Amino acid sequence: MIRYRSVSDIQLSYHSRNSDFSKTCGFDEWRYDELLDIDENRLAHEILFASGASVRIELENQMISLVKK
């Protein structure tokens, strides 16, 4: 489980012409993700899905934690 705190922006994008996103029941499989260093104070977690959709979550540095369930 990933927990985000102090989120400043969430962006969701997909291109329905270039993918089957409109035919799926969700985002499909989580394919790739990365943490990006925006500046001294902010990070972004970008997640790319098999459907072509992507989610970008911007947050303050050190405001992300991984929790094992």
Protein backbone atom coordinates (compact mmCIF):
# COMPACT_ATOMS: atom_id res chain seq x y z
CA MET A 1 0.00 0.00 0.00
CA ILE A 2 1.27 3.46 -0.83
CA ARG A 3 0.22 6.41 1.31
CA TYR A 4 0.61 9.98 0.12
CA ARG A 5 0.44 13.04 2.37
CA SER A 6 0.58 16.72 1.44
CA VAL A 7 -0.54 16.08 -2.14
CA SER A 8 -0.52 19.29 -4.16
CA ASP A 9 -1.72 18.00 -7.55
CA ILE A 10 -3.12 14.86 -9.20
CA GLN A 11 -3.21 14.51 -12.98
CA LEU A 12 -4.98 11.73 -14.86
CA SER A 13 -4.54 11.34 -18.59
CA TYR A 14 -5.41 8.83 -21.28
CA HIS A 15 -5.88 8.89 -25.02
CA SER A 16 -9.05 7.01 -25.87
CA ARG A 17 -8.23 6.94 -29.60
CA ASN A 18 -4.88 5.28 -28.99
CA SER A 19 -5.93 2.74 -26.37
CA ASP A 20 -8.70 0.45 -25.24
CA PHE A 21 -9.21 2.47 -22.04
CA SER A 22 -12.87 3.08 -22.86
CA LYS A 23 -13.45 -0.70 -23.20
CA THR A 24 -11.75 -1.70 -19.93
CA CYS A 25 -13.21 -1.72 -16.46
CA GLY A 26 -10.36 0.35 -15.08
CA PHE A 27 -6.80 1.29 -15.77
CA ASP A 28 -5.68 -2.28 -16.55
CA GLU A 29 -2.31 -3.52 -15.28
CA TRP A 30 0.18 -1.27 -13.53
CA ARG A 31 3.11 -1.38 -15.96
CA TYR A 32 5.71 1.14 -14.87
CA ASP A 33 6.20 3.85 -12.30
CA GLU A 34 8.85 6.30 -11.22
CA LEU A 35 9.52 8.94 -8.60
CA LEU A 36 10.56 12.25 -10.09
CA ASP A 37 12.44 15.01 -8.31
CA ILE A 38 10.62 18.21 -9.29
CA ASP A 39 12.61 20.59 -7.09
CA GLU A 40 14.07 20.75 -3.56
CA ASN A 41 10.64 20.60 -1.96
CA ARG A 42 8.50 18.44 -4.26
CA LEU A 43 8.36 14.94 -5.73
CA ALA A 44 6.07 13.41 -8.34
CA HIS A 45 5.03 9.77 -8.57
CA GLU A 46 4.07 8.91 -12.13
CA ILE A 47 2.30 5.61 -12.85
CA LEU A 48 1.77 4.23 -16.36
CA PHE A 49 -0.89 1.58 -17.03
CA ALA A 50 -1.29 -0.99 -19.82
CA SER A 51 -4.42 0.81 -21.04
CA GLY A 52 -2.35 3.88 -21.92
CA ALA A 53 -3.62 5.83 -18.91
CA SER A 54 -1.22 7.58 -16.58
CA VAL A 55 -1.51 9.14 -13.14
CA ARG A 56 0.88 11.77 -11.80
CA ILE A 57 0.74 12.65 -8.11
CA GLU A 58 2.76 15.63 -6.88
CA LEU A 59 3.60 15.93 -3.20
CA GLU A 60 6.05 17.44 -0.77
CA ASN A 61 9.38 15.66 -0.29
CA GLN A 62 9.29 12.90 2.32
CA MET A 63 5.49 12.71 2.31
CA ILE A 64 5.27 9.20 0.86
CA SER A 65 5.42 5.94 2.76
CA LEU A 66 5.22 2.28 1.81
CA VAL A 67 3.26 0.05 4.17
CA LYS A 68 3.38 -3.74 4.05
CA LYS A 69 -0.01 -5.31 4.70
